[in-house]
PDB file of N, CA and C in Angstrom:
ATOM      1  N   MET A   1      -7.881   5.662   2.318  1.00  0.00           N
ATOM      2  CA  MET A   1      -7.710   4.720   3.417  1.00  0.00           C
ATOM      3  C   MET A   1      -8.234   3.359   2.938  1.00  0.00           C
ATOM      4  N   ASP A   2      -7.385   2.342   2.940  1.00  0.00           N
ATOM      5  CA  ASP A   2      -7.812   1.006   2.526  1.00  0.00           C
ATOM      6  C   ASP A   2      -7.248  -0.012   3.504  1.00  0.00           C
ATOM      7  N   ASN A   3      -8.118  -0.599   4.272  1.00  0.00           N
ATOM      8  CA  ASN A   3      -7.666  -1.636   5.203  1.00  0.00           C
ATOM      9  C   ASN A   3      -7.957  -3.034   4.676  1.00  0.00           C
ATOM     10  N   GLY A   4      -8.258  -3.137   3.383  1.00  0.00           N
ATOM     11  CA  GLY A   4      -8.501  -4.437   2.794  1.00  0.00           C
ATOM     12  C   GLY A   4      -9.807  -5.097   3.201  1.00  0.00           C
ATOM     13  N   GLY A   5     -10.618  -4.398   3.978  1.00  0.00           N
ATOM     14  CA  GLY A   5     -11.910  -4.941   4.379  1.00  0.00           C
ATOM     15  C   GLY A   5     -11.828  -6.002   5.454  1.00  0.00           C
ATOM     16  N   PHE A   6     -10.679  -6.157   6.094  1.00  0.00           N
ATOM     17  CA  PHE A   6     -10.487  -7.204   7.094  1.00  0.00           C
ATOM     18  C   PHE A   6     -10.770  -6.743   8.508  1.00  0.00           C
ATOM     19  N   MET A   7     -10.675  -5.439   8.745  1.00  0.00           N
ATOM     20  CA  MET A   7     -10.807  -4.931  10.113  1.00  0.00           C
ATOM     21  C   MET A   7     -11.988  -3.970  10.208  1.00  0.00           C
ATOM     22  N   ARG A   8     -12.514  -3.937  11.392  1.00  0.00           N
ATOM     23  CA  ARG A   8     -13.529  -2.916  11.673  1.00  0.00           C
ATOM     24  C   ARG A   8     -12.798  -1.612  11.923  1.00  0.00           C
ATOM     25  N   ILE A   9     -13.361  -0.526  11.362  1.00  0.00           N
ATOM     26  CA  ILE A   9     -12.757   0.796  11.520  1.00  0.00           C
ATOM     27  C   ILE A   9     -13.466   1.482  12.689  1.00  0.00           C
ATOM     28  N   VAL A  10     -12.656   2.045  13.590  1.00  0.00           N
ATOM     29  CA  VAL A  10     -13.189   2.743  14.764  1.00  0.00           C
ATOM     30  C   VAL A  10     -12.477   4.086  14.876  1.00  0.00           C
ATOM     31  N   GLY A  11     -13.299   5.130  15.029  1.00  0.00           N
ATOM     32  CA  GLY A  11     -12.704   6.457  15.173  1.00  0.00           C
ATOM     33  C   GLY A  11     -12.063   6.681  16.549  1.00  0.00           C
ATOM     34  N   MET A  12     -11.223   7.653  16.615  1.00  0.00           N
ATOM     35  CA  MET A  12     -10.473   8.022  17.849  1.00  0.00           C
ATOM     36  C   MET A  12     -11.449   8.275  18.985  1.00  0.00           C
ATOM     37  N   PHE A  13     -12.518   9.061  18.751  1.00  0.00           N
ATOM     38  CA  PHE A  13     -13.434   9.380  19.842  1.00  0.00           C
ATOM     39  C   PHE A  13     -14.079   8.135  20.428  1.00  0.00           C
ATOM     40  N   LYS A  14     -14.546   7.252  19.565  1.00  0.00           N
ATOM     41  CA  LYS A  14     -15.186   5.993  20.027  1.00  0.00           C
ATOM     42  C   LYS A  14     -14.170   5.160  20.783  1.00  0.00           C
ATOM     43  N   THR A  15     -12.927   5.155  20.283  1.00  0.00           N
ATOM     44  CA  THR A  15     -11.863   4.388  20.967  1.00  0.00           C
ATOM     45  C   THR A  15     -11.688   4.920  22.374  1.00  0.00           C
ATOM     46  N   LYS A  16     -11.595   6.222  22.532  1.00  0.00           N
ATOM     47  CA  LYS A  16     -11.403   6.826  23.872  1.00  0.00           C
ATOM     48  C   LYS A  16     -12.562   6.543  24.795  1.00  0.00           C
ATOM     49  N   THR A  17     -13.751   6.552  24.244  1.00  0.00           N
ATOM     50  CA  THR A  17     -14.931   6.458  25.133  1.00  0.00           C
ATOM     51  C   THR A  17     -15.385   5.034  25.349  1.00  0.00           C
ATOM     52  N   HIS A  18     -14.915   4.119  24.519  1.00  0.00           N
ATOM     53  CA  HIS A  18     -15.384   2.720  24.629  1.00  0.00           C
ATOM     54  C   HIS A  18     -14.223   1.701  24.672  1.00  0.00           C
ATOM     55  N   LEU A  19     -13.038   2.120  25.120  1.00  0.00           N
ATOM     56  CA  LEU A  19     -11.892   1.238  25.063  1.00  0.00           C
ATOM     57  C   LEU A  19     -12.101  -0.081  25.769  1.00  0.00           C
ATOM     58  N   PRO A  20     -12.666  -0.169  26.949  1.00  0.00           N
ATOM     59  CA  PRO A  20     -12.855  -1.490  27.586  1.00  0.00           C
ATOM     60  C   PRO A  20     -13.675  -2.473  26.707  1.00  0.00           C
ATOM     61  N   GLU A  21     -14.758  -1.967  26.113  1.00  0.00           N
ATOM     62  CA  GLU A  21     -15.556  -2.833  25.252  1.00  0.00           C
ATOM     63  C   GLU A  21     -14.820  -3.233  24.002  1.00  0.00           C
ATOM     64  N   LEU A  22     -14.047  -2.345  23.430  1.00  0.00           N
ATOM     65  CA  LEU A  22     -13.249  -2.642  22.256  1.00  0.00           C
ATOM     66  C   LEU A  22     -12.179  -3.693  22.561  1.00  0.00           C
ATOM     67  N   ILE A  23     -11.560  -3.578  23.707  1.00  0.00           N
ATOM     68  CA  ILE A  23     -10.545  -4.558  24.103  1.00  0.00           C
ATOM     69  C   ILE A  23     -11.181  -5.948  24.244  1.00  0.00           C
ATOM     70  N   LYS A  24     -12.382  -6.020  24.814  1.00  0.00           N
ATOM     71  CA  LYS A  24     -13.028  -7.330  24.952  1.00  0.00           C
ATOM     72  C   LYS A  24     -13.320  -7.882  23.553  1.00  0.00           C
ATOM     73  N   GLU A  25     -13.686  -7.044  22.567  1.00  0.00           N
ATOM     74  CA  GLU A  25     -13.923  -7.535  21.258  1.00  0.00           C
ATOM     75  C   GLU A  25     -12.623  -8.081  20.620  1.00  0.00           C
ATOM     76  N   VAL A  26     -11.511  -7.422  20.865  1.00  0.00           N
ATOM     77  CA  VAL A  26     -10.227  -7.886  20.335  1.00  0.00           C
ATOM     78  C   VAL A  26      -9.861  -9.190  21.040  1.00  0.00           C
ATOM     79  N   GLU A  27     -10.109  -9.337  22.298  1.00  0.00           N
ATOM     80  CA  GLU A  27      -9.834 -10.579  23.003  1.00  0.00           C
ATOM     81  C   GLU A  27     -10.664 -11.736  22.382  1.00  0.00           C
ATOM     82  N   ALA A  28     -11.800 -11.384  21.835  1.00  0.00           N
ATOM     83  CA  ALA A  28     -12.697 -12.434  21.212  1.00  0.00           C
ATOM     84  C   ALA A  28     -12.296 -12.661  19.725  1.00  0.00           C
ATOM     85  N   GLY A  29     -11.261 -11.944  19.259  1.00  0.00           N
ATOM     86  CA  GLY A  29     -10.739 -12.240  17.907  1.00  0.00           C
ATOM     87  C   GLY A  29     -10.982 -11.114  16.897  1.00  0.00           C
ATOM     88  N   GLU A  30     -11.699 -10.061  17.295  1.00  0.00           N
ATOM     89  CA  GLU A  30     -11.932  -8.926  16.407  1.00  0.00           C
ATOM     90  C   GLU A  30     -10.623  -8.173  16.149  1.00  0.00           C
ATOM     91  N   GLU A  31     -10.488  -7.605  14.949  1.00  0.00           N
ATOM     92  CA  GLU A  31      -9.349  -6.742  14.606  1.00  0.00           C
ATOM     93  C   GLU A  31      -9.888  -5.347  14.351  1.00  0.00           C
ATOM     94  N   LEU A  32      -9.226  -4.378  14.857  1.00  0.00           N
ATOM     95  CA  LEU A  32      -9.687  -2.975  14.742  1.00  0.00           C
ATOM     96  C   LEU A  32      -8.656  -2.110  14.091  1.00  0.00           C
ATOM     97  N   CYS A  33      -9.158  -1.151  13.288  1.00  0.00           N
ATOM     98  CA  CYS A  33      -8.332  -0.110  12.718  1.00  0.00           C
ATOM     99  C   CYS A  33      -8.765   1.171  13.366  1.00  0.00           C
ATOM    100  N   ILE A  34      -7.870   1.836  14.073  1.00  0.00           N
ATOM    101  CA  ILE A  34      -8.200   3.090  14.728  1.00  0.00           C
ATOM    102  C   ILE A  34      -7.868   4.244  13.760  1.00  0.00           C
ATOM    103  N   THR A  35      -8.847   5.145  13.632  1.00  0.00           N
ATOM    104  CA  THR A  35      -8.573   6.276  12.730  1.00  0.00           C
ATOM    105  C   THR A  35      -8.694   7.596  13.495  1.00  0.00           C
ATOM    106  N   ASN A  36      -7.992   8.597  12.986  1.00  0.00           N
ATOM    107  CA  ASN A  36      -8.100   9.921  13.541  1.00  0.00           C
ATOM    108  C   ASN A  36      -8.378  10.847  12.334  1.00  0.00           C
ATOM    109  N   ARG A  37      -9.596  11.409  12.296  1.00  0.00           N
ATOM    110  CA  ARG A  37     -10.020  12.277  11.181  1.00  0.00           C
ATOM    111  C   ARG A  37      -9.897  11.548   9.845  1.00  0.00           C
ATOM    112  N   GLY A  38     -10.282  10.283   9.840  1.00  0.00           N
ATOM    113  CA  GLY A  38     -10.296   9.485   8.623  1.00  0.00           C
ATOM    114  C   GLY A  38      -8.975   8.856   8.227  1.00  0.00           C
ATOM    115  N   LYS A  39      -7.937   9.133   8.977  1.00  0.00           N
ATOM    116  CA  LYS A  39      -6.585   8.581   8.651  1.00  0.00           C
ATOM    117  C   LYS A  39      -6.274   7.414   9.574  1.00  0.00           C
ATOM    118  N   GLU A  40      -5.833   6.306   9.059  1.00  0.00           N
ATOM    119  CA  GLU A  40      -5.436   5.151   9.869  1.00  0.00           C
ATOM    120  C   GLU A  40      -4.263   5.542  10.717  1.00  0.00           C
ATOM    121  N   VAL A  41      -4.364   5.282  12.033  1.00  0.00           N
ATOM    122  CA  VAL A  41      -3.276   5.606  12.938  1.00  0.00           C
ATOM    123  C   VAL A  41      -2.772   4.416  13.709  1.00  0.00           C
ATOM    124  N   ALA A  42      -3.614   3.380  13.868  1.00  0.00           N
ATOM    125  CA  ALA A  42      -3.215   2.219  14.657  1.00  0.00           C
ATOM    126  C   ALA A  42      -4.072   0.997  14.350  1.00  0.00           C
ATOM    127  N   PHE A  43      -3.526  -0.167  14.535  1.00  0.00           N
ATOM    128  CA  PHE A  43      -4.275  -1.395  14.431  1.00  0.00           C
ATOM    129  C   PHE A  43      -4.217  -2.083  15.798  1.00  0.00           C
ATOM    130  N   ILE A  44      -5.341  -2.650  16.161  1.00  0.00           N
ATOM    131  CA  ILE A  44      -5.371  -3.477  17.422  1.00  0.00           C
ATOM    132  C   ILE A  44      -5.778  -4.869  16.960  1.00  0.00           C
ATOM    133  N   ILE A  45      -4.886  -5.809  17.238  1.00  0.00           N
ATOM    134  CA  ILE A  45      -5.161  -7.199  16.864  1.00  0.00           C
ATOM    135  C   ILE A  45      -4.935  -8.117  18.091  1.00  0.00           C
ATOM    136  N   PRO A  46      -5.532  -9.270  18.074  1.00  0.00           N
ATOM    137  CA  PRO A  46      -5.314 -10.216  19.216  1.00  0.00           C
ATOM    138  C   PRO A  46      -3.850 -10.550  19.332  1.00  0.00           C
ATOM    139  N   VAL A  47      -3.415 -10.721  20.563  1.00  0.00           N
ATOM    140  CA  VAL A  47      -2.008 -11.038  20.847  1.00  0.00           C
ATOM    141  C   VAL A  47      -1.555 -12.298  20.111  1.00  0.00           C
ATOM    142  N   ALA A  48      -2.391 -13.346  20.087  1.00  0.00           N
ATOM    143  CA  ALA A  48      -2.025 -14.583  19.447  1.00  0.00           C
ATOM    144  C   ALA A  48      -1.720 -14.321  17.941  1.00  0.00           C
ATOM    145  N   LYS A  49      -2.514 -13.506  17.304  1.00  0.00           N
ATOM    146  CA  LYS A  49      -2.254 -13.227  15.898  1.00  0.00           C
ATOM    147  C   LYS A  49      -0.948 -12.441  15.725  1.00  0.00           C
ATOM    148  N   TYR A  50      -0.680 -11.517  16.627  1.00  0.00           N
ATOM    149  CA  TYR A  50       0.535 -10.717  16.581  1.00  0.00           C
ATOM    150  C   TYR A  50       1.758 -11.651  16.641  1.00  0.00           C
ATOM    151  N   TYR A  51       1.757 -12.562  17.628  1.00  0.00           N
ATOM    152  CA  TYR A  51       2.917 -13.458  17.746  1.00  0.00           C
ATOM    153  C   TYR A  51       2.978 -14.447  16.589  1.00  0.00           C
ATOM    154  N   SER A  52       1.867 -14.847  16.080  1.00  0.00           N
ATOM    155  CA  SER A  52       1.848 -15.757  14.892  1.00  0.00           C
ATOM    156  C   SER A  52       2.501 -15.062  13.723  1.00  0.00           C
ATOM    157  N   GLN A  53       2.139 -13.782  13.511  1.00  0.00           N
ATOM    158  CA  GLN A  53       2.703 -13.033  12.419  1.00  0.00           C
ATOM    159  C   GLN A  53       4.229 -12.807  12.632  1.00  0.00           C
ATOM    160  N   LYS A  54       4.613 -12.578  13.850  1.00  0.00           N
ATOM    161  CA  LYS A  54       6.062 -12.418  14.167  1.00  0.00           C
ATOM    162  C   LYS A  54       6.792 -13.676  13.862  1.00  0.00           C
ATOM    163  N   THR A  55       6.245 -14.832  14.261  1.00  0.00           N
ATOM    164  CA  THR A  55       6.894 -16.138  14.020  1.00  0.00           C
ATOM    165  C   THR A  55       7.006 -16.384  12.541  1.00  0.00           C
ATOM    166  N   ASP A  56       5.942 -16.121  11.814  1.00  0.00           N
ATOM    167  CA  ASP A  56       5.965 -16.310  10.354  1.00  0.00           C
ATOM    168  C   ASP A  56       7.067 -15.454   9.751  1.00  0.00           C
ATOM    169  N   ASP A  57       7.152 -14.191  10.186  1.00  0.00           N
ATOM    170  CA  ASP A  57       8.155 -13.265   9.673  1.00  0.00           C
ATOM    171  C   ASP A  57       9.581 -13.809   9.970  1.00  0.00           C
ATOM    172  N   ILE A  58       9.784 -14.312  11.156  1.00  0.00           N
ATOM    173  CA  ILE A  58      11.111 -14.846  11.531  1.00  0.00           C
ATOM    174  C   ILE A  58      11.453 -16.038  10.617  1.00  0.00           C
ATOM    175  N   PHE A  59      10.498 -16.929  10.379  1.00  0.00           N
ATOM    176  CA  PHE A  59      10.797 -18.082   9.535  1.00  0.00           C
ATOM    177  C   PHE A  59      11.036 -17.645   8.078  1.00  0.00           C
ATOM    178  N   LYS A  60      10.315 -16.637   7.602  1.00  0.00           N
ATOM    179  CA  LYS A  60      10.602 -16.144   6.249  1.00  0.00           C
ATOM    180  C   LYS A  60      12.012 -15.556   6.134  1.00  0.00           C
ATOM    181  N   LYS A  61      12.407 -14.791   7.147  1.00  0.00           N
ATOM    182  CA  LYS A  61      13.752 -14.231   7.153  1.00  0.00           C
ATOM    183  C   LYS A  61      14.792 -15.319   7.243  1.00  0.00           C
ATOM    184  N   PHE A  62      14.545 -16.324   8.069  1.00  0.00           N
ATOM    185  CA  PHE A  62      15.460 -17.425   8.242  1.00  0.00           C
ATOM    186  C   PHE A  62      15.612 -18.179   6.930  1.00  0.00           C
ATOM    187  N   THR A  63      14.503 -18.439   6.224  1.00  0.00           N
ATOM    188  CA  THR A  63      14.528 -19.136   4.954  1.00  0.00           C
ATOM    189  C   THR A  63      15.345 -18.335   3.944  1.00  0.00           C
ATOM    190  N   ALA A  64      15.161 -17.044   3.907  1.00  0.00           N
ATOM    191  CA  ALA A  64      15.926 -16.223   2.995  1.00  0.00           C
ATOM    192  C   ALA A  64      17.428 -16.269   3.324  1.00  0.00           C
ATOM    193  N   LEU A  65      17.754 -16.221   4.602  1.00  0.00           N
ATOM    194  CA  LEU A  65      19.141 -16.292   5.040  1.00  0.00           C
ATOM    195  C   LEU A  65      19.737 -17.657   4.663  1.00  0.00           C
ATOM    196  N   LYS A  66      18.949 -18.698   4.841  1.00  0.00           N
ATOM    197  CA  LYS A  66      19.427 -20.044   4.562  1.00  0.00           C
ATOM    198  C   LYS A  66      19.754 -20.187   3.079  1.00  0.00           C
ATOM    199  N   LYS A  67      18.935 -19.518   2.228  1.00  0.00           N
ATOM    200  CA  LYS A  67      19.205 -19.598   0.788  1.00  0.00           C
ATOM    201  C   LYS A  67      20.545 -18.905   0.442  1.00  0.00           C
ATOM    202  N   ARG A  68      20.859 -17.842   1.194  1.00  0.00           N
ATOM    203  CA  ARG A  68      22.136 -17.116   0.912  1.00  0.00           C
ATOM    204  C   ARG A  68      23.314 -17.854   1.500  1.00  0.00           C
ATOM    205  N   SER A  69      23.129 -18.506   2.605  1.00  0.00           N
ATOM    206  CA  SER A  69      24.206 -19.237   3.292  1.00  0.00           C
ATOM    207  C   SER A  69      23.683 -20.546   3.815  1.00  0.00           C
ATOM    208  N   PRO A  70      23.700 -21.593   2.964  1.00  0.00           N
ATOM    209  CA  PRO A  70      23.093 -22.882   3.336  1.00  0.00           C
ATOM    210  C   PRO A  70      23.658 -23.434   4.638  1.00  0.00           C
ATOM    211  N   LEU A  71      22.788 -23.842   5.527  1.00  0.00           N
ATOM    212  CA  LEU A  71      23.217 -24.415   6.792  1.00  0.00           C
ATOM    213  C   LEU A  71      22.990 -25.906   6.854  1.00  0.00           C
ATOM    214  N   GLY A  72      22.412 -26.487   5.863  1.00  0.00           N
ATOM    215  CA  GLY A  72      22.115 -27.881   5.853  1.00  0.00           C
ATOM    216  C   GLY A  72      20.610 -28.094   6.009  1.00  0.00           C
ATOM    217  N   SER A  73      20.274 -29.344   6.334  1.00  0.00           N
ATOM    218  CA  SER A  73      18.854 -29.687   6.453  1.00  0.00           C
ATOM    219  C   SER A  73      18.299 -29.207   7.800  1.00  0.00           C
ATOM    220  N   LYS A  74      17.008 -29.352   7.935  1.00  0.00           N
ATOM    221  CA  LYS A  74      16.338 -28.996   9.197  1.00  0.00           C
ATOM    222  C   LYS A  74      16.944 -29.818  10.355  1.00  0.00           C
ATOM    223  N   ASP A  75      17.186 -31.086  10.090  1.00  0.00           N
ATOM    224  CA  ASP A  75      17.791 -31.942  11.148  1.00  0.00           C
ATOM    225  C   ASP A  75      19.188 -31.476  11.507  1.00  0.00           C
ATOM    226  N   ASP A  76      19.946 -31.021  10.534  1.00  0.00           N
ATOM    227  CA  ASP A  76      21.299 -30.478  10.835  1.00  0.00           C
ATOM    228  C   ASP A  76      21.231 -29.265  11.705  1.00  0.00           C
ATOM    229  N   ILE A  77      20.252 -28.399  11.425  1.00  0.00           N
ATOM    230  CA  ILE A  77      20.062 -27.186  12.242  1.00  0.00           C
ATOM    231  C   ILE A  77      19.667 -27.530  13.663  1.00  0.00           C
ATOM    232  N   ILE A  78      18.788 -28.499  13.823  1.00  0.00           N
ATOM    233  CA  ILE A  78      18.347 -28.910  15.170  1.00  0.00           C
ATOM    234  C   ILE A  78      19.568 -29.495  15.928  1.00  0.00           C
ATOM    235  N   LYS A  79      20.426 -30.300  15.266  1.00  0.00           N
ATOM    236  CA  LYS A  79      21.584 -30.845  15.884  1.00  0.00           C
ATOM    237  C   LYS A  79      22.526 -29.756  16.357  1.00  0.00           C
ATOM    238  N   MET A  80      22.743 -28.727  15.471  1.00  0.00           N
ATOM    239  CA  MET A  80      23.592 -27.605  15.852  1.00  0.00           C
ATOM    240  C   MET A  80      23.019 -26.864  17.041  1.00  0.00           C
ATOM    241  N   LYS A  81      21.739 -26.687  17.070  1.00  0.00           N
ATOM    242  CA  LYS A  81      21.088 -25.972  18.184  1.00  0.00           C
ATOM    243  C   LYS A  81      21.298 -26.769  19.455  1.00  0.00           C
ATOM    244  N   ASP A  82      21.083 -28.109  19.367  1.00  0.00           N
ATOM    245  CA  ASP A  82      21.238 -28.942  20.563  1.00  0.00           C
ATOM    246  C   ASP A  82      22.688 -28.967  21.072  1.00  0.00           C
ATOM    247  N   LEU A  83      23.618 -28.961  20.148  1.00  0.00           N
ATOM    248  CA  LEU A  83      25.042 -28.872  20.538  1.00  0.00           C
ATOM    249  C   LEU A  83      25.388 -27.589  21.250  1.00  0.00           C
ATOM    250  N   GLY A  84      24.758 -26.528  20.845  1.00  0.00           N
ATOM    251  CA  GLY A  84      25.005 -25.219  21.445  1.00  0.00           C
ATOM    252  C   GLY A  84      24.458 -25.121  22.836  1.00  0.00           C
ATOM    253  N   ARG A  85      23.580 -25.972  23.210  1.00  0.00           N
ATOM    254  CA  ARG A  85      22.949 -25.952  24.563  1.00  0.00           C
ATOM    255  C   ARG A  85      23.790 -26.736  25.593  1.00  0.00           C
ATOM    256  N   LYS A  86      24.810 -27.481  25.127  1.00  0.00           N
ATOM    257  CA  LYS A  86      25.591 -28.286  26.065  1.00  0.00           C
ATOM    258  C   LYS A  86      26.650 -27.480  26.724  1.00  0.00           C
TER     259      LYS A  86
END
């Protein structure tokens, strides 16, 4: 089990018995790795980090798509988006 040293590891029993306290820690920015018998089963991260990672992933996919099928500059894309809203 290797979580890269970035998250605190919490066992399943502690998670079940201390969930409210753990959630408060996550709200404060803590990241948790939940384990069951030493095996990683879940990660709990702050919502803002989750959405930030999702946004980064979307932009990476968009950049890869743009390389395969050039759409023009960023300004061209914004213009197309604005035209689609009319």
